[in-house]
Amino acid sequence: MSIGEFLDMGGHGFYIWSSYGIALILVLIETFLVGRRRSKAKKELEQMEAEFGRADNQGMNG
């Protein structure tokens, strides 16, 4: 079996490889979006901790 025959996959290569390509693109997009959501959530959490941390410290000391 040659590489060309392997890539052709008995005439179904286009469908198989395009499916792999689409799946890869979607996984990369999802990875990027998850990273953005994580960064946003982390910033929001840091803001909340800063706000509530000051309020908690003032209440305990004051």
C-alpha atoms as a PDB file:
ATOM      1  CA  MET A   1       0.000   0.000   0.000  1.00  0.00           C
ATOM      2  CA  SER A   2       1.369   3.382  -0.999  1.00  0.00           C
ATOM      3  CA  ILE A   3       0.839   6.667   0.808  1.00  0.00           C
ATOM      4  CA  GLY A   4      -1.461   7.810  -1.978  1.00  0.00           C
ATOM      5  CA  GLU A   5      -3.656   4.760  -1.511  1.00  0.00           C
ATOM      6  CA  PHE A   6      -3.692   5.314   2.237  1.00  0.00           C
ATOM      7  CA  LEU A   7      -4.725   8.949   1.851  1.00  0.00           C
ATOM      8  CA  ASP A   8      -7.377   8.010  -0.731  1.00  0.00           C
ATOM      9  CA  MET A   9      -8.815   5.383   1.642  1.00  0.00           C
ATOM     10  CA  GLY A  10     -10.620   3.484  -1.055  1.00  0.00           C
ATOM     11  CA  GLY A  11     -12.274   6.587  -2.509  1.00  0.00           C
ATOM     12  CA  HIS A  12     -13.496   7.864   0.851  1.00  0.00           C
ATOM     13  CA  GLY A  13     -10.409   9.910   1.698  1.00  0.00           C
ATOM     14  CA  PHE A  14     -12.005  13.283   1.032  1.00  0.00           C
ATOM     15  CA  TYR A  15     -14.791  12.649   3.552  1.00  0.00           C
ATOM     16  CA  ILE A  16     -12.527  11.060   6.132  1.00  0.00           C
ATOM     17  CA  TRP A  17      -9.773  13.684   6.003  1.00  0.00           C
ATOM     18  CA  SER A  18     -12.204  16.600   5.852  1.00  0.00           C
ATOM     19  CA  SER A  19     -13.930  15.169   8.942  1.00  0.00           C
ATOM     20  CA  TYR A  20     -10.602  14.991  10.745  1.00  0.00           C
ATOM     21  CA  GLY A  21      -9.795  18.538   9.623  1.00  0.00           C
ATOM     22  CA  ILE A  22     -13.117  19.949  10.780  1.00  0.00           C
ATOM     23  CA  ALA A  23     -12.817  18.132  14.125  1.00  0.00           C
ATOM     24  CA  LEU A  24      -9.291  19.501  14.597  1.00  0.00           C
ATOM     25  CA  ILE A  25     -10.408  23.056  13.813  1.00  0.00           C
ATOM     26  CA  LEU A  26     -13.327  22.772  16.247  1.00  0.00           C
ATOM     27  CA  VAL A  27     -11.076  21.414  19.007  1.00  0.00           C
ATOM     28  CA  LEU A  28      -8.631  24.300  18.481  1.00  0.00           C
ATOM     29  CA  ILE A  29     -11.448  26.872  18.531  1.00  0.00           C
ATOM     30  CA  GLU A  30     -12.920  25.346  21.699  1.00  0.00           C
ATOM     31  CA  THR A  31      -9.483  25.338  23.361  1.00  0.00           C
ATOM     32  CA  PHE A  32      -9.072  29.030  22.512  1.00  0.00           C
ATOM     33  CA  LEU A  33     -12.559  29.909  23.781  1.00  0.00           C
ATOM     34  CA  VAL A  34     -12.082  27.980  27.020  1.00  0.00           C
ATOM     35  CA  GLY A  35      -8.833  29.856  27.605  1.00  0.00           C
ATOM     36  CA  ARG A  36     -10.589  33.188  27.093  1.00  0.00           C
ATOM     37  CA  ARG A  37     -13.442  32.235  29.419  1.00  0.00           C
ATOM     38  CA  ARG A  38     -10.938  31.075  32.037  1.00  0.00           C
ATOM     39  CA  SER A  39      -9.006  34.335  31.858  1.00  0.00           C
ATOM     40  CA  LYS A  40     -12.195  36.368  32.162  1.00  0.00           C
ATOM     41  CA  ALA A  41     -13.431  34.289  35.107  1.00  0.00           C
ATOM     42  CA  LYS A  42     -10.046  34.584  36.813  1.00  0.00           C
ATOM     43  CA  LYS A  43     -10.090  38.388  36.474  1.00  0.00           C
ATOM     44  CA  GLU A  44     -13.652  38.554  37.813  1.00  0.00           C
ATOM     45  CA  LEU A  45     -12.695  36.327  40.753  1.00  0.00           C
ATOM     46  CA  GLU A  46      -9.671  38.500  41.548  1.00  0.00           C
ATOM     47  CA  GLN A  47     -11.902  41.591  41.497  1.00  0.00           C
ATOM     48  CA  MET A  48     -14.428  39.929  43.810  1.00  0.00           C
ATOM     49  CA  GLU A  49     -11.695  38.779  46.172  1.00  0.00           C
ATOM     50  CA  ALA A  50     -10.272  42.291  46.261  1.00  0.00           C
ATOM     51  CA  GLU A  51     -13.675  43.839  46.998  1.00  0.00           C
ATOM     52  CA  PHE A  52     -14.887  41.270  49.512  1.00  0.00           C
ATOM     53  CA  GLY A  53     -11.455  40.744  50.992  1.00  0.00           C
ATOM     54  CA  ARG A  54     -11.284  44.409  51.966  1.00  0.00           C
ATOM     55  CA  ALA A  55     -14.823  44.311  53.363  1.00  0.00           C
ATOM     56  CA  ASP A  56     -14.067  41.181  55.404  1.00  0.00           C
ATOM     57  CA  ASN A  57     -10.830  42.602  56.753  1.00  0.00           C
ATOM     58  CA  GLN A  58     -12.497  45.868  57.747  1.00  0.00           C
ATOM     59  CA  GLY A  59     -15.310  44.029  59.500  1.00  0.00           C
ATOM     60  CA  MET A  60     -12.919  41.837  61.473  1.00  0.00           C
ATOM     61  CA  ASN A  61     -10.585  44.662  62.451  1.00  0.00           C
ATOM     62  CA  GLY A  62     -13.137  47.312  62.938  1.00  0.00           C
END
